[in-house]
């Protein structure tokens, strides 16, 4: 059995505020492709570890930081995959 890769407390806080889950087969492909383009997606072969990939996505993505209490209708730009 391999040891699971876990987030530290700082990474968990950031994931809770800016994180995302990949759900292939649940999200329509067109919407998924738009989202991946928005976040600066790279091919899976280029991902060395989940932590490095997450750090790179958060550093380069177009996903805005939304303040607590912001209504969903005001949180993201119109036409955004998010």
PDB file of N, CA and C in Angstrom:
ATOM      1  N   UNK A   1       0.841  -1.178   0.000  1.00  0.00           N
ATOM      2  CA  UNK A   1       0.000   0.000   0.000  1.00  0.00           C
ATOM      3  C   UNK A   1       0.884   1.239   0.000  1.00  0.00           C
ATOM      4  N   UNK A   2       0.560   2.212  -0.842  1.00  0.00           N
ATOM      5  CA  UNK A   2       1.346   3.435  -0.888  1.00  0.00           C
ATOM      6  C   UNK A   2       0.791   4.451   0.107  1.00  0.00           C
ATOM      7  N   UNK A   3       1.685   5.269   0.594  1.00  0.00           N
ATOM      8  CA  UNK A   3       1.294   6.301   1.555  1.00  0.00           C
ATOM      9  C   UNK A   3       0.516   7.394   0.809  1.00  0.00           C
ATOM     10  N   UNK A   4      -0.647   7.823   1.322  1.00  0.00           N
ATOM     11  CA  UNK A   4      -1.423   8.862   0.634  1.00  0.00           C
ATOM     12  C   UNK A   4      -0.699  10.208   0.663  1.00  0.00           C
ATOM     13  N   UNK A   5      -0.939  11.009  -0.376  1.00  0.00           N
ATOM     14  CA  UNK A   5      -0.389  12.359  -0.429  1.00  0.00           C
ATOM     15  C   UNK A   5      -1.407  13.281   0.240  1.00  0.00           C
ATOM     16  N   UNK A   6      -1.004  13.915   1.317  1.00  0.00           N
ATOM     17  CA  UNK A   6      -1.908  14.760   2.095  1.00  0.00           C
ATOM     18  C   UNK A   6      -1.501  16.224   2.006  1.00  0.00           C
ATOM     19  N   UNK A   7      -2.477  17.102   2.178  1.00  0.00           N
ATOM     20  CA  UNK A   7      -2.219  18.534   2.223  1.00  0.00           C
ATOM     21  C   UNK A   7      -1.860  18.938   3.649  1.00  0.00           C
ATOM     22  N   UNK A   8      -0.964  19.930   3.776  1.00  0.00           N
ATOM     23  CA  UNK A   8      -0.712  20.467   5.108  1.00  0.00           C
ATOM     24  C   UNK A   8      -1.815  21.475   5.420  1.00  0.00           C
ATOM     25  N   UNK A   9      -1.823  22.042   6.613  1.00  0.00           N
ATOM     26  CA  UNK A   9      -2.925  22.923   7.009  1.00  0.00           C
ATOM     27  C   UNK A   9      -3.011  24.169   6.127  1.00  0.00           C
ATOM     28  N   UNK A  10      -1.877  24.744   5.740  1.00  0.00           N
ATOM     29  CA  UNK A  10      -1.891  25.912   4.857  1.00  0.00           C
ATOM     30  C   UNK A  10      -2.453  25.586   3.484  1.00  0.00           C
ATOM     31  N   UNK A  11      -2.067  24.441   2.940  1.00  0.00           N
ATOM     32  CA  UNK A  11      -2.582  24.013   1.640  1.00  0.00           C
ATOM     33  C   UNK A  11      -4.080  23.719   1.717  1.00  0.00           C
ATOM     34  N   UNK A  12      -4.538  23.173   2.837  1.00  0.00           N
ATOM     35  CA  UNK A  12      -5.956  22.882   3.003  1.00  0.00           C
ATOM     36  C   UNK A  12      -6.770  24.170   3.040  1.00  0.00           C
ATOM     37  N   UNK A  13      -6.266  25.178   3.727  1.00  0.00           N
ATOM     38  CA  UNK A  13      -6.953  26.474   3.778  1.00  0.00           C
ATOM     39  C   UNK A  13      -7.051  27.059   2.373  1.00  0.00           C
ATOM     40  N   UNK A  14      -5.954  27.012   1.629  1.00  0.00           N
ATOM     41  CA  UNK A  14      -5.983  27.551   0.268  1.00  0.00           C
ATOM     42  C   UNK A  14      -6.928  26.745  -0.617  1.00  0.00           C
ATOM     43  N   UNK A  15      -6.916  25.424  -0.482  1.00  0.00           N
ATOM     44  CA  UNK A  15      -7.832  24.604  -1.282  1.00  0.00           C
ATOM     45  C   UNK A  15      -9.280  24.935  -0.952  1.00  0.00           C
ATOM     46  N   UNK A  16      -9.591  25.112   0.313  1.00  0.00           N
ATOM     47  CA  UNK A  16     -10.965  25.427   0.711  1.00  0.00           C
ATOM     48  C   UNK A  16     -11.416  26.759   0.122  1.00  0.00           C
ATOM     49  N   UNK A  17     -10.487  27.698  -0.047  1.00  0.00           N
ATOM     50  CA  UNK A  17     -10.872  29.013  -0.562  1.00  0.00           C
ATOM     51  C   UNK A  17     -10.748  29.128  -2.078  1.00  0.00           C
ATOM     52  N   UNK A  18      -9.796  28.391  -2.700  1.00  0.00           N
ATOM     53  CA  UNK A  18      -9.572  28.549  -4.142  1.00  0.00           C
ATOM     54  C   UNK A  18      -9.492  27.228  -4.894  1.00  0.00           C
ATOM     55  N   UNK A  19      -9.688  26.133  -4.226  1.00  0.00           N
ATOM     56  CA  UNK A  19      -9.467  24.830  -4.834  1.00  0.00           C
ATOM     57  C   UNK A  19     -10.544  24.404  -5.808  1.00  0.00           C
ATOM     58  N   UNK A  20     -10.278  23.321  -6.465  1.00  0.00           N
ATOM     59  CA  UNK A  20     -11.228  22.750  -7.406  1.00  0.00           C
ATOM     60  C   UNK A  20     -11.002  21.243  -7.467  1.00  0.00           C
ATOM     61  N   UNK A  21     -12.017  20.543  -7.937  1.00  0.00           N
ATOM     62  CA  UNK A  21     -11.928  19.108  -8.129  1.00  0.00           C
ATOM     63  C   UNK A  21     -12.134  18.811  -9.606  1.00  0.00           C
ATOM     64  N   UNK A  22     -11.416  17.856 -10.112  1.00  0.00           N
ATOM     65  CA  UNK A  22     -11.579  17.425 -11.497  1.00  0.00           C
ATOM     66  C   UNK A  22     -12.594  16.294 -11.507  1.00  0.00           C
ATOM     67  N   UNK A  23     -13.672  16.453 -12.292  1.00  0.00           N
ATOM     68  CA  UNK A  23     -14.729  15.453 -12.340  1.00  0.00           C
ATOM     69  C   UNK A  23     -15.040  15.093 -13.786  1.00  0.00           C
ATOM     70  N   UNK A  24     -14.134  14.370 -14.414  1.00  0.00           N
ATOM     71  CA  UNK A  24     -14.359  13.928 -15.785  1.00  0.00           C
ATOM     72  C   UNK A  24     -15.634  13.094 -15.839  1.00  0.00           C
ATOM     73  N   UNK A  25     -16.423  13.272 -16.861  1.00  0.00           N
ATOM     74  CA  UNK A  25     -17.648  12.503 -17.024  1.00  0.00           C
ATOM     75  C   UNK A  25     -18.844  13.109 -16.308  1.00  0.00           C
ATOM     76  N   UNK A  26     -18.630  14.071 -15.432  1.00  0.00           N
ATOM     77  CA  UNK A  26     -19.730  14.726 -14.720  1.00  0.00           C
ATOM     78  C   UNK A  26     -19.994  16.091 -15.349  1.00  0.00           C
ATOM     79  N   UNK A  27     -18.926  16.793 -15.654  1.00  0.00           N
ATOM     80  CA  UNK A  27     -19.016  18.122 -16.259  1.00  0.00           C
ATOM     81  C   UNK A  27     -18.986  17.952 -17.778  1.00  0.00           C
ATOM     82  N   UNK A  28     -19.886  18.619 -18.520  1.00  0.00           N
ATOM     83  CA  UNK A  28     -19.858  18.511 -19.981  1.00  0.00           C
ATOM     84  C   UNK A  28     -18.473  18.886 -20.526  1.00  0.00           C
ATOM     85  N   UNK A  29     -18.003  18.153 -21.529  1.00  0.00           N
ATOM     86  CA  UNK A  29     -16.649  18.332 -22.043  1.00  0.00           C
ATOM     87  C   UNK A  29     -16.375  19.763 -22.494  1.00  0.00           C
ATOM     88  N   UNK A  30     -17.320  20.407 -23.151  1.00  0.00           N
ATOM     89  CA  UNK A  30     -17.102  21.789 -23.623  1.00  0.00           C
ATOM     90  C   UNK A  30     -16.825  22.722 -22.443  1.00  0.00           C
ATOM     91  N   UNK A  31     -17.597  22.597 -21.381  1.00  0.00           N
ATOM     92  CA  UNK A  31     -17.407  23.428 -20.190  1.00  0.00           C
ATOM     93  C   UNK A  31     -16.092  23.077 -19.503  1.00  0.00           C
ATOM     94  N   UNK A  32     -15.780  21.796 -19.438  1.00  0.00           N
ATOM     95  CA  UNK A  32     -14.527  21.351 -18.843  1.00  0.00           C
ATOM     96  C   UNK A  32     -13.325  21.918 -19.609  1.00  0.00           C
ATOM     97  N   UNK A  33     -13.376  21.866 -20.938  1.00  0.00           N
ATOM     98  CA  UNK A  33     -12.273  22.386 -21.751  1.00  0.00           C
ATOM     99  C   UNK A  33     -12.102  23.892 -21.559  1.00  0.00           C
ATOM    100  N   UNK A  34     -13.222  24.630 -21.449  1.00  0.00           N
ATOM    101  CA  UNK A  34     -13.144  26.070 -21.193  1.00  0.00           C
ATOM    102  C   UNK A  34     -12.495  26.338 -19.843  1.00  0.00           C
ATOM    103  N   UNK A  35     -12.911  25.587 -18.825  1.00  0.00           N
ATOM    104  CA  UNK A  35     -12.325  25.754 -17.490  1.00  0.00           C
ATOM    105  C   UNK A  35     -10.828  25.453 -17.516  1.00  0.00           C
ATOM    106  N   UNK A  36     -10.441  24.339 -18.142  1.00  0.00           N
ATOM    107  CA  UNK A  36      -9.024  23.977 -18.208  1.00  0.00           C
ATOM    108  C   UNK A  36      -8.215  25.045 -18.922  1.00  0.00           C
ATOM    109  N   UNK A  37      -8.764  25.622 -19.980  1.00  0.00           N
ATOM    110  CA  UNK A  37      -8.075  26.710 -20.675  1.00  0.00           C
ATOM    111  C   UNK A  37      -7.938  27.934 -19.770  1.00  0.00           C
ATOM    112  N   UNK A  38      -8.975  28.233 -18.991  1.00  0.00           N
ATOM    113  CA  UNK A  38      -8.950  29.380 -18.077  1.00  0.00           C
ATOM    114  C   UNK A  38      -7.881  29.242 -16.999  1.00  0.00           C
ATOM    115  N   UNK A  39      -7.645  28.021 -16.536  1.00  0.00           N
ATOM    116  CA  UNK A  39      -6.707  27.848 -15.431  1.00  0.00           C
ATOM    117  C   UNK A  39      -5.281  27.567 -15.871  1.00  0.00           C
ATOM    118  N   UNK A  40      -5.042  27.503 -17.175  1.00  0.00           N
ATOM    119  CA  UNK A  40      -3.684  27.246 -17.639  1.00  0.00           C
ATOM    120  C   UNK A  40      -3.322  25.784 -17.544  1.00  0.00           C
ATOM    121  N   UNK A  41      -4.233  24.928 -17.945  1.00  0.00           N
ATOM    122  CA  UNK A  41      -4.054  23.471 -17.874  1.00  0.00           C
ATOM    123  C   UNK A  41      -2.832  23.005 -18.656  1.00  0.00           C
ATOM    124  N   UNK A  42      -2.148  22.015 -18.122  1.00  0.00           N
ATOM    125  CA  UNK A  42      -1.031  21.354 -18.815  1.00  0.00           C
ATOM    126  C   UNK A  42      -1.350  19.865 -18.930  1.00  0.00           C
ATOM    127  N   UNK A  43      -0.693  19.185 -19.868  1.00  0.00           N
ATOM    128  CA  UNK A  43      -0.897  17.749 -20.041  1.00  0.00           C
ATOM    129  C   UNK A  43      -0.466  16.995 -18.792  1.00  0.00           C
ATOM    130  N   UNK A  44      -1.147  15.882 -18.516  1.00  0.00           N
ATOM    131  CA  UNK A  44      -0.854  15.095 -17.323  1.00  0.00           C
ATOM    132  C   UNK A  44       0.592  14.629 -17.271  1.00  0.00           C
ATOM    133  N   UNK A  45       1.201  14.391 -18.446  1.00  0.00           N
ATOM    134  CA  UNK A  45       2.590  13.939 -18.477  1.00  0.00           C
ATOM    135  C   UNK A  45       3.551  14.986 -17.905  1.00  0.00           C
ATOM    136  N   UNK A  46       3.133  16.253 -17.894  1.00  0.00           N
ATOM    137  CA  UNK A  46       3.976  17.341 -17.397  1.00  0.00           C
ATOM    138  C   UNK A  46       3.809  17.577 -15.896  1.00  0.00           C
ATOM    139  N   UNK A  47       2.913  16.854 -15.255  1.00  0.00           N
ATOM    140  CA  UNK A  47       2.643  17.038 -13.825  1.00  0.00           C
ATOM    141  C   UNK A  47       3.564  16.121 -13.036  1.00  0.00           C
ATOM    142  N   UNK A  48       4.409  16.721 -12.207  1.00  0.00           N
ATOM    143  CA  UNK A  48       5.353  15.922 -11.417  1.00  0.00           C
ATOM    144  C   UNK A  48       4.729  15.450 -10.105  1.00  0.00           C
ATOM    145  N   UNK A  49       4.032  16.353  -9.406  1.00  0.00           N
ATOM    146  CA  UNK A  49       3.333  15.997  -8.173  1.00  0.00           C
ATOM    147  C   UNK A  49       2.056  16.830  -8.097  1.00  0.00           C
ATOM    148  N   UNK A  50       1.045  16.366  -7.370  1.00  0.00           N
ATOM    149  CA  UNK A  50      -0.165  17.169  -7.213  1.00  0.00           C
ATOM    150  C   UNK A  50       0.117  18.543  -6.598  1.00  0.00           C
ATOM    151  N   UNK A  51       1.030  18.593  -5.623  1.00  0.00           N
ATOM    152  CA  UNK A  51       1.331  19.873  -4.968  1.00  0.00           C
ATOM    153  C   UNK A  51       1.940  20.875  -5.948  1.00  0.00           C
ATOM    154  N   UNK A  52       2.894  20.425  -6.758  1.00  0.00           N
ATOM    155  CA  UNK A  52       3.536  21.322  -7.730  1.00  0.00           C
ATOM    156  C   UNK A  52       2.507  21.794  -8.751  1.00  0.00           C
ATOM    157  N   UNK A  53       1.683  20.876  -9.235  1.00  0.00           N
ATOM    158  CA  UNK A  53       0.666  21.248 -10.224  1.00  0.00           C
ATOM    159  C   UNK A  53      -0.308  22.266  -9.636  1.00  0.00           C
ATOM    160  N   UNK A  54      -0.806  22.016  -8.433  1.00  0.00           N
ATOM    161  CA  UNK A  54      -1.745  22.933  -7.785  1.00  0.00           C
ATOM    162  C   UNK A  54      -1.108  24.309  -7.596  1.00  0.00           C
ATOM    163  N   UNK A  55       0.142  24.348  -7.155  1.00  0.00           N
ATOM    164  CA  UNK A  55       0.847  25.622  -6.966  1.00  0.00           C
ATOM    165  C   UNK A  55       0.967  26.361  -8.285  1.00  0.00           C
ATOM    166  N   UNK A  56       1.317  25.654  -9.352  1.00  0.00           N
ATOM    167  CA  UNK A  56       1.441  26.290 -10.670  1.00  0.00           C
ATOM    168  C   UNK A  56       0.103  26.812 -11.177  1.00  0.00           C
ATOM    169  N   UNK A  57      -0.955  26.028 -11.005  1.00  0.00           N
ATOM    170  CA  UNK A  57      -2.284  26.457 -11.446  1.00  0.00           C
ATOM    171  C   UNK A  57      -2.713  27.703 -10.680  1.00  0.00           C
ATOM    172  N   UNK A  58      -2.520  27.704  -9.368  1.00  0.00           N
ATOM    173  CA  UNK A  58      -2.939  28.856  -8.567  1.00  0.00           C
ATOM    174  C   UNK A  58      -2.119  30.103  -8.902  1.00  0.00           C
ATOM    175  N   UNK A  59      -0.847  29.924  -9.265  1.00  0.00           N
ATOM    176  CA  UNK A  59       0.012  31.068  -9.585  1.00  0.00           C
ATOM    177  C   UNK A  59      -0.318  31.662 -10.946  1.00  0.00           C
ATOM    178  N   UNK A  60      -0.810  30.851 -11.866  1.00  0.00           N
ATOM    179  CA  UNK A  60      -0.988  31.338 -13.239  1.00  0.00           C
ATOM    180  C   UNK A  60      -2.438  31.415 -13.679  1.00  0.00           C
ATOM    181  N   UNK A  61      -3.376  31.062 -12.839  1.00  0.00           N
ATOM    182  CA  UNK A  61      -4.751  30.937 -13.314  1.00  0.00           C
ATOM    183  C   UNK A  61      -5.495  32.259 -13.344  1.00  0.00           C
ATOM    184  N   UNK A  62      -6.587  32.221 -14.093  1.00  0.00           N
ATOM    185  CA  UNK A  62      -7.456  33.382 -14.211  1.00  0.00           C
ATOM    186  C   UNK A  62      -8.638  33.293 -13.255  1.00  0.00           C
ATOM    187  N   UNK A  63      -8.609  32.357 -12.327  1.00  0.00           N
ATOM    188  CA  UNK A  63      -9.706  32.221 -11.379  1.00  0.00           C
ATOM    189  C   UNK A  63      -9.562  33.312 -10.323  1.00  0.00           C
ATOM    190  N   UNK A  64     -10.540  34.208 -10.241  1.00  0.00           N
ATOM    191  CA  UNK A  64     -10.409  35.305  -9.273  1.00  0.00           C
ATOM    192  C   UNK A  64     -10.597  34.827  -7.839  1.00  0.00           C
ATOM    193  N   UNK A  65      -9.968  35.521  -6.918  1.00  0.00           N
ATOM    194  CA  UNK A  65     -10.192  35.285  -5.497  1.00  0.00           C
ATOM    195  C   UNK A  65     -11.476  36.023  -5.149  1.00  0.00           C
ATOM    196  N   UNK A  66     -12.400  35.305  -4.564  1.00  0.00           N
ATOM    197  CA  UNK A  66     -13.711  35.874  -4.243  1.00  0.00           C
ATOM    198  C   UNK A  66     -13.840  35.965  -2.737  1.00  0.00           C
ATOM    199  N   UNK A  67     -14.184  37.131  -2.259  1.00  0.00           N
ATOM    200  CA  UNK A  67     -14.310  37.348  -0.827  1.00  0.00           C
ATOM    201  C   UNK A  67     -15.478  36.592  -0.217  1.00  0.00           C
ATOM    202  N   UNK A  68     -15.332  36.218   1.027  1.00  0.00           N
ATOM    203  CA  UNK A  68     -16.405  35.529   1.747  1.00  0.00           C
ATOM    204  C   UNK A  68     -17.663  36.383   1.745  1.00  0.00           C
ATOM    205  N   UNK A  69     -18.796  35.751   1.534  1.00  0.00           N
ATOM    206  CA  UNK A  69     -20.074  36.452   1.553  1.00  0.00           C
ATOM    207  C   UNK A  69     -20.480  37.053   0.231  1.00  0.00           C
ATOM    208  N   UNK A  70     -19.627  36.949  -0.793  1.00  0.00           N
ATOM    209  CA  UNK A  70     -19.962  37.487  -2.120  1.00  0.00           C
ATOM    210  C   UNK A  70     -21.054  36.620  -2.739  1.00  0.00           C
ATOM    211  N   UNK A  71     -22.149  37.216  -3.199  1.00  0.00           N
ATOM    212  CA  UNK A  71     -23.178  36.413  -3.864  1.00  0.00           C
ATOM    213  C   UNK A  71     -22.591  35.731  -5.103  1.00  0.00           C
ATOM    214  N   UNK A  72     -22.997  34.497  -5.356  1.00  0.00           N
ATOM    215  CA  UNK A  72     -22.462  33.748  -6.487  1.00  0.00           C
ATOM    216  C   UNK A  72     -22.631  34.505  -7.797  1.00  0.00           C
ATOM    217  N   UNK A  73     -23.746  35.181  -7.974  1.00  0.00           N
ATOM    218  CA  UNK A  73     -23.988  35.936  -9.210  1.00  0.00           C
ATOM    219  C   UNK A  73     -22.961  37.041  -9.429  1.00  0.00           C
ATOM    220  N   UNK A  74     -22.323  37.500  -8.350  1.00  0.00           N
ATOM    221  CA  UNK A  74     -21.326  38.569  -8.437  1.00  0.00           C
ATOM    222  C   UNK A  74     -19.885  38.056  -8.347  1.00  0.00           C
ATOM    223  N   UNK A  75     -19.723  36.758  -8.165  1.00  0.00           N
ATOM    224  CA  UNK A  75     -18.395  36.216  -7.881  1.00  0.00           C
ATOM    225  C   UNK A  75     -17.513  36.059  -9.101  1.00  0.00           C
ATOM    226  N   UNK A  76     -18.085  35.696 -10.239  1.00  0.00           N
ATOM    227  CA  UNK A  76     -17.281  35.405 -11.430  1.00  0.00           C
ATOM    228  C   UNK A  76     -17.820  36.158 -12.636  1.00  0.00           C
ATOM    229  N   UNK A  77     -16.950  36.462 -13.603  1.00  0.00           N
ATOM    230  CA  UNK A  77     -17.401  37.206 -14.772  1.00  0.00           C
ATOM    231  C   UNK A  77     -18.407  36.407 -15.601  1.00  0.00           C
ATOM    232  N   UNK A  78     -19.296  37.110 -16.285  1.00  0.00           N
ATOM    233  CA  UNK A  78     -20.238  36.447 -17.194  1.00  0.00           C
ATOM    234  C   UNK A  78     -19.458  35.676 -18.248  1.00  0.00           C
ATOM    235  N   UNK A  79     -19.926  34.479 -18.573  1.00  0.00           N
ATOM    236  CA  UNK A  79     -19.277  33.652 -19.574  1.00  0.00           C
ATOM    237  C   UNK A  79     -18.148  32.796 -19.032  1.00  0.00           C
ATOM    238  N   UNK A  80     -17.810  32.959 -17.748  1.00  0.00           N
ATOM    239  CA  UNK A  80     -16.749  32.191 -17.135  1.00  0.00           C
ATOM    240  C   UNK A  80     -17.174  30.738 -16.971  1.00  0.00           C
ATOM    241  N   UNK A  81     -16.253  29.807 -17.179  1.00  0.00           N
ATOM    242  CA  UNK A  81     -16.552  28.393 -16.942  1.00  0.00           C
ATOM    243  C   UNK A  81     -16.819  28.126 -15.471  1.00  0.00           C
ATOM    244  N   UNK A  82     -16.243  28.945 -14.619  1.00  0.00           N
ATOM    245  CA  UNK A  82     -16.477  28.784 -13.182  1.00  0.00           C
ATOM    246  C   UNK A  82     -17.876  29.200 -12.856  1.00  0.00           C
TER     247      UNK A  82
END
